[in-house]
Amino acid sequence: MSREDAEMEMREKILTFIEKNSRVELKELAVILGVEEAIVANELAAMEEEHIICGYHTLIDWEKTGVEKVNALIEVRVTPQRGRGFDAVAERIYNYPEVNAVYLISGGYDLLVTLEGKTLREVAQFVSDKLSTLEAVLSTKTNFILKKYKDHGTVIKESKKDERMLVTL
């Protein structure tokens, strides 16, 4: 295996592991990968510098905090901009602070926008006042997230185990 291939493999292993557990200590990650801690630290720093690693996030079950939050998935049909395609419209949308993510998607709509608000009304107001009024936006479809079961590969609510005794006759 070439040095370049080994480096790519090391990066993939690091990224795969920290994607599931970004709180892992460098020392522990080095042991798991069988390399020196300095190698892991240098790879992480390089990948942050190259914007391969774009950020570190904490997944929170907001229902358990008592804080009211409403999450929505907004499907948006747009007219692509000459010379920039969907990028210009996506940029205008992702610059709103309420917007968590914007994806270019295939299917009946062009963009999928995820956003967060305090109430259904607040989210609906954002869609009607800000999103739908953008010149390139042709139509929107709002889907409210009622319950999260799994997010970013993590199960939010563990299923309750059946604790009844098995009885056979």
C-alpha atoms as a PDB file:
ATOM      1  CA  MET A   1       0.000   0.000   0.000  1.00  0.00           C
ATOM      2  CA  SER A   2       1.369   3.397  -0.954  1.00  0.00           C
ATOM      3  CA  ARG A   3       1.896   6.131   1.625  1.00  0.00           C
ATOM      4  CA  GLU A   4      -0.906   8.160   0.028  1.00  0.00           C
ATOM      5  CA  ASP A   5      -3.318   5.206   0.231  1.00  0.00           C
ATOM      6  CA  ALA A   6      -2.370   4.625   3.874  1.00  0.00           C
ATOM      7  CA  GLU A   7      -3.007   8.299   4.660  1.00  0.00           C
ATOM      8  CA  MET A   8      -6.406   8.177   2.942  1.00  0.00           C
ATOM      9  CA  GLU A   9      -7.299   5.016   4.860  1.00  0.00           C
ATOM     10  CA  MET A  10      -6.220   6.640   8.148  1.00  0.00           C
ATOM     11  CA  ARG A  11      -8.343   9.703   7.405  1.00  0.00           C
ATOM     12  CA  GLU A  12     -11.362   7.570   6.572  1.00  0.00           C
ATOM     13  CA  LYS A  13     -11.000   5.636   9.844  1.00  0.00           C
ATOM     14  CA  ILE A  14     -10.671   8.857  11.852  1.00  0.00           C
ATOM     15  CA  LEU A  15     -13.661  10.468  10.140  1.00  0.00           C
ATOM     16  CA  THR A  16     -15.838   7.370  10.507  1.00  0.00           C
ATOM     17  CA  PHE A  17     -15.103   7.162  14.221  1.00  0.00           C
ATOM     18  CA  ILE A  18     -15.469  10.858  15.125  1.00  0.00           C
ATOM     19  CA  GLU A  19     -18.673  11.129  13.092  1.00  0.00           C
ATOM     20  CA  LYS A  20     -20.289   8.837  15.677  1.00  0.00           C
ATOM     21  CA  ASN A  21     -18.356  10.069  18.725  1.00  0.00           C
ATOM     22  CA  SER A  22     -16.799  13.517  18.406  1.00  0.00           C
ATOM     23  CA  ARG A  23     -15.964  13.603  22.120  1.00  0.00           C
ATOM     24  CA  VAL A  24     -13.413  10.815  21.883  1.00  0.00           C
ATOM     25  CA  GLU A  25     -10.056  11.794  23.335  1.00  0.00           C
ATOM     26  CA  LEU A  26      -7.060  11.874  21.015  1.00  0.00           C
ATOM     27  CA  LYS A  27      -5.248   9.322  23.173  1.00  0.00           C
ATOM     28  CA  GLU A  28      -8.149   6.866  22.942  1.00  0.00           C
ATOM     29  CA  LEU A  29      -8.521   7.368  19.185  1.00  0.00           C
ATOM     30  CA  ALA A  30      -4.789   6.772  18.705  1.00  0.00           C
ATOM     31  CA  VAL A  31      -5.040   3.497  20.627  1.00  0.00           C
ATOM     32  CA  ILE A  32      -8.081   2.389  18.599  1.00  0.00           C
ATOM     33  CA  LEU A  33      -6.266   3.163  15.340  1.00  0.00           C
ATOM     34  CA  GLY A  34      -2.925   1.768  16.526  1.00  0.00           C
ATOM     35  CA  VAL A  35      -0.957   4.946  15.816  1.00  0.00           C
ATOM     36  CA  GLU A  36       0.715   7.700  17.808  1.00  0.00           C
ATOM     37  CA  GLU A  37      -1.421  10.465  19.290  1.00  0.00           C
ATOM     38  CA  ALA A  38       0.545  13.117  17.362  1.00  0.00           C
ATOM     39  CA  ILE A  39      -0.418  11.489  14.053  1.00  0.00           C
ATOM     40  CA  VAL A  40      -4.116  11.657  14.944  1.00  0.00           C
ATOM     41  CA  ALA A  41      -3.807  15.265  16.138  1.00  0.00           C
ATOM     42  CA  ASN A  42      -2.000  16.289  12.943  1.00  0.00           C
ATOM     43  CA  GLU A  43      -4.573  14.540  10.714  1.00  0.00           C
ATOM     44  CA  LEU A  44      -7.480  16.173  12.538  1.00  0.00           C
ATOM     45  CA  ALA A  45      -5.855  19.607  12.298  1.00  0.00           C
ATOM     46  CA  ALA A  46      -5.158  19.108   8.594  1.00  0.00           C
ATOM     47  CA  MET A  47      -8.726  17.971   7.890  1.00  0.00           C
ATOM     48  CA  GLU A  48     -10.119  20.971   9.801  1.00  0.00           C
ATOM     49  CA  GLU A  49      -7.831  23.293   7.806  1.00  0.00           C
ATOM     50  CA  GLU A  50      -8.974  21.679   4.525  1.00  0.00           C
ATOM     51  CA  HIS A  51     -12.634  21.959   5.623  1.00  0.00           C
ATOM     52  CA  ILE A  52     -13.097  18.204   5.394  1.00  0.00           C
ATOM     53  CA  ILE A  53     -14.183  18.454   9.025  1.00  0.00           C
ATOM     54  CA  CYS A  54     -16.644  21.347   9.001  1.00  0.00           C
ATOM     55  CA  GLY A  55     -17.709  21.347  12.646  1.00  0.00           C
ATOM     56  CA  TYR A  56     -18.530  19.295  15.716  1.00  0.00           C
ATOM     57  CA  HIS A  57     -22.109  18.911  16.887  1.00  0.00           C
ATOM     58  CA  THR A  58     -23.986  17.650  19.901  1.00  0.00           C
ATOM     59  CA  LEU A  59     -27.243  15.774  19.343  1.00  0.00           C
ATOM     60  CA  ILE A  60     -29.848  16.813  21.925  1.00  0.00           C
ATOM     61  CA  ASP A  61     -33.267  15.312  22.663  1.00  0.00           C
ATOM     62  CA  TRP A  62     -35.024  18.651  23.192  1.00  0.00           C
ATOM     63  CA  GLU A  63     -38.246  16.946  24.318  1.00  0.00           C
ATOM     64  CA  LYS A  64     -36.512  15.989  27.567  1.00  0.00           C
ATOM     65  CA  THR A  65     -35.405  19.567  28.296  1.00  0.00           C
ATOM     66  CA  GLY A  66     -38.817  21.180  28.462  1.00  0.00           C
ATOM     67  CA  VAL A  67     -37.737  23.692  25.821  1.00  0.00           C
ATOM     68  CA  GLU A  68     -40.351  24.063  23.099  1.00  0.00           C
ATOM     69  CA  LYS A  69     -38.940  23.753  19.590  1.00  0.00           C
ATOM     70  CA  VAL A  70     -40.583  23.069  16.269  1.00  0.00           C
ATOM     71  CA  ASN A  71     -38.587  21.549  13.433  1.00  0.00           C
ATOM     72  CA  ALA A  72     -39.704  21.562   9.834  1.00  0.00           C
ATOM     73  CA  LEU A  73     -38.581  20.216   6.492  1.00  0.00           C
ATOM     74  CA  ILE A  74     -39.491  22.634   3.719  1.00  0.00           C
ATOM     75  CA  GLU A  75     -39.465  21.387   0.148  1.00  0.00           C
ATOM     76  CA  VAL A  76     -38.764  24.284  -2.209  1.00  0.00           C
ATOM     77  CA  ARG A  77     -39.196  24.431  -5.978  1.00  0.00           C
ATOM     78  CA  VAL A  78     -37.050  27.181  -7.521  1.00  0.00           C
ATOM     79  CA  THR A  79     -35.968  28.662 -10.819  1.00  0.00           C
ATOM     80  CA  PRO A  80     -32.212  28.133 -11.210  1.00  0.00           C
ATOM     81  CA  GLN A  81     -30.211  31.348 -11.725  1.00  0.00           C
ATOM     82  CA  ARG A  82     -28.383  31.802 -15.025  1.00  0.00           C
ATOM     83  CA  GLY A  83     -24.715  30.908 -14.634  1.00  0.00           C
ATOM     84  CA  ARG A  84     -25.082  29.892 -10.956  1.00  0.00           C
ATOM     85  CA  GLY A  85     -27.742  27.197 -11.066  1.00  0.00           C
ATOM     86  CA  PHE A  86     -29.262  26.585  -7.647  1.00  0.00           C
ATOM     87  CA  ASP A  87     -26.278  27.923  -5.692  1.00  0.00           C
ATOM     88  CA  ALA A  88     -27.380  31.573  -5.539  1.00  0.00           C
ATOM     89  CA  VAL A  89     -30.862  30.708  -4.267  1.00  0.00           C
ATOM     90  CA  ALA A  90     -29.491  28.167  -1.788  1.00  0.00           C
ATOM     91  CA  GLU A  91     -27.056  30.766  -0.458  1.00  0.00           C
ATOM     92  CA  ARG A  92     -29.803  33.328   0.110  1.00  0.00           C
ATOM     93  CA  ILE A  93     -31.808  30.713   2.007  1.00  0.00           C
ATOM     94  CA  TYR A  94     -28.994  29.309   4.164  1.00  0.00           C
ATOM     95  CA  ASN A  95     -28.017  32.795   5.332  1.00  0.00           C
ATOM     96  CA  TYR A  96     -31.232  33.088   7.365  1.00  0.00           C
ATOM     97  CA  PRO A  97     -30.429  32.259  11.021  1.00  0.00           C
ATOM     98  CA  GLU A  98     -33.570  30.108  11.362  1.00  0.00           C
ATOM     99  CA  VAL A  99     -32.288  27.724   8.675  1.00  0.00           C
ATOM    100  CA  ASN A 100     -30.297  24.731   9.890  1.00  0.00           C
ATOM    101  CA  ALA A 101     -29.566  23.067   6.544  1.00  0.00           C
ATOM    102  CA  VAL A 102     -30.192  23.381   2.801  1.00  0.00           C
ATOM    103  CA  TYR A 103     -29.841  20.449   0.418  1.00  0.00           C
ATOM    104  CA  LEU A 104     -30.130  20.199  -3.363  1.00  0.00           C
ATOM    105  CA  ILE A 105     -32.353  17.160  -3.920  1.00  0.00           C
ATOM    106  CA  SER A 106     -33.772  15.109  -6.744  1.00  0.00           C
ATOM    107  CA  GLY A 107     -37.501  14.575  -7.239  1.00  0.00           C
ATOM    108  CA  GLY A 108     -40.431  16.941  -7.396  1.00  0.00           C
ATOM    109  CA  TYR A 109     -38.677  19.735  -5.513  1.00  0.00           C
ATOM    110  CA  ASP A 110     -35.233  21.272  -5.900  1.00  0.00           C
ATOM    111  CA  LEU A 111     -34.165  22.189  -2.372  1.00  0.00           C
ATOM    112  CA  LEU A 112     -34.857  20.723   1.050  1.00  0.00           C
ATOM    113  CA  VAL A 113     -34.593  23.289   3.844  1.00  0.00           C
ATOM    114  CA  THR A 114     -34.565  22.326   7.516  1.00  0.00           C
ATOM    115  CA  LEU A 115     -35.389  24.989  10.038  1.00  0.00           C
ATOM    116  CA  GLU A 116     -36.249  25.473  13.663  1.00  0.00           C
ATOM    117  CA  GLY A 117     -38.658  27.777  15.420  1.00  0.00           C
ATOM    118  CA  LYS A 118     -40.409  28.142  18.764  1.00  0.00           C
ATOM    119  CA  THR A 119     -43.925  27.581  17.413  1.00  0.00           C
ATOM    120  CA  LEU A 120     -45.720  26.274  14.330  1.00  0.00           C
ATOM    121  CA  ARG A 121     -46.826  29.841  13.657  1.00  0.00           C
ATOM    122  CA  GLU A 122     -43.241  31.124  13.756  1.00  0.00           C
ATOM    123  CA  VAL A 123     -42.139  28.520  11.198  1.00  0.00           C
ATOM    124  CA  ALA A 124     -45.168  29.181   8.985  1.00  0.00           C
ATOM    125  CA  GLN A 125     -44.474  32.932   9.212  1.00  0.00           C
ATOM    126  CA  PHE A 126     -40.875  32.388   8.095  1.00  0.00           C
ATOM    127  CA  VAL A 127     -42.015  30.334   5.108  1.00  0.00           C
ATOM    128  CA  SER A 128     -44.703  32.811   4.039  1.00  0.00           C
ATOM    129  CA  ASP A 129     -42.804  36.068   4.729  1.00  0.00           C
ATOM    130  CA  LYS A 130     -39.211  35.203   3.884  1.00  0.00           C
ATOM    131  CA  LEU A 131     -38.915  31.993   1.910  1.00  0.00           C
ATOM    132  CA  SER A 132     -41.939  32.170  -0.387  1.00  0.00           C
ATOM    133  CA  THR A 133     -41.283  35.807  -1.271  1.00  0.00           C
ATOM    134  CA  LEU A 134     -37.847  35.136  -2.768  1.00  0.00           C
ATOM    135  CA  GLU A 135     -37.983  35.876  -6.497  1.00  0.00           C
ATOM    136  CA  ALA A 136     -36.641  32.473  -7.600  1.00  0.00           C
ATOM    137  CA  VAL A 137     -38.989  30.449  -5.351  1.00  0.00           C
ATOM    138  CA  LEU A 138     -41.872  28.923  -7.302  1.00  0.00           C
ATOM    139  CA  SER A 139     -43.513  26.913  -4.502  1.00  0.00           C
ATOM    140  CA  THR A 140     -42.963  25.428  -1.056  1.00  0.00           C
ATOM    141  CA  LYS A 141     -44.283  22.472   0.905  1.00  0.00           C
ATOM    142  CA  THR A 142     -43.910  22.481   4.684  1.00  0.00           C
ATOM    143  CA  ASN A 143     -43.544  19.227   6.641  1.00  0.00           C
ATOM    144  CA  PHE A 144     -43.394  19.504  10.425  1.00  0.00           C
ATOM    145  CA  ILE A 145     -41.332  16.945  12.315  1.00  0.00           C
ATOM    146  CA  LEU A 146     -43.637  15.455  14.925  1.00  0.00           C
ATOM    147  CA  LYS A 147     -41.236  12.977  16.505  1.00  0.00           C
ATOM    148  CA  LYS A 148     -37.616  11.981  15.964  1.00  0.00           C
ATOM    149  CA  TYR A 149     -36.710   8.330  16.156  1.00  0.00           C
ATOM    150  CA  LYS A 150     -33.162   8.474  14.814  1.00  0.00           C
ATOM    151  CA  ASP A 151     -30.969  11.437  13.908  1.00  0.00           C
ATOM    152  CA  HIS A 152     -27.413  11.479  12.536  1.00  0.00           C
ATOM    153  CA  GLY A 153     -27.211   7.709  13.032  1.00  0.00           C
ATOM    154  CA  THR A 154     -28.214   7.912  16.700  1.00  0.00           C
ATOM    155  CA  VAL A 155     -31.439   6.416  18.034  1.00  0.00           C
ATOM    156  CA  ILE A 156     -33.190   9.178  19.969  1.00  0.00           C
ATOM    157  CA  LYS A 157     -35.639   7.089  21.939  1.00  0.00           C
ATOM    158  CA  GLU A 158     -34.777   3.561  22.868  1.00  0.00           C
ATOM    159  CA  SER A 159     -37.660   1.186  22.316  1.00  0.00           C
ATOM    160  CA  LYS A 160     -39.157  -0.129  25.513  1.00  0.00           C
ATOM    161  CA  LYS A 161     -38.311  -3.719  26.167  1.00  0.00           C
ATOM    162  CA  ASP A 162     -41.217  -6.044  26.781  1.00  0.00           C
ATOM    163  CA  GLU A 163     -40.800  -7.068  30.403  1.00  0.00           C
ATOM    164  CA  ARG A 164     -43.730  -9.466  30.493  1.00  0.00           C
ATOM    165  CA  MET A 165     -42.983 -13.064  31.363  1.00  0.00           C
ATOM    166  CA  LEU A 166     -43.310 -15.591  28.593  1.00  0.00           C
ATOM    167  CA  VAL A 167     -46.021 -18.096  29.458  1.00  0.00           C
ATOM    168  CA  THR A 168     -46.569 -21.237  27.417  1.00  0.00           C
ATOM    169  CA  LEU A 169     -49.418 -23.684  27.772  1.00  0.00           C
END
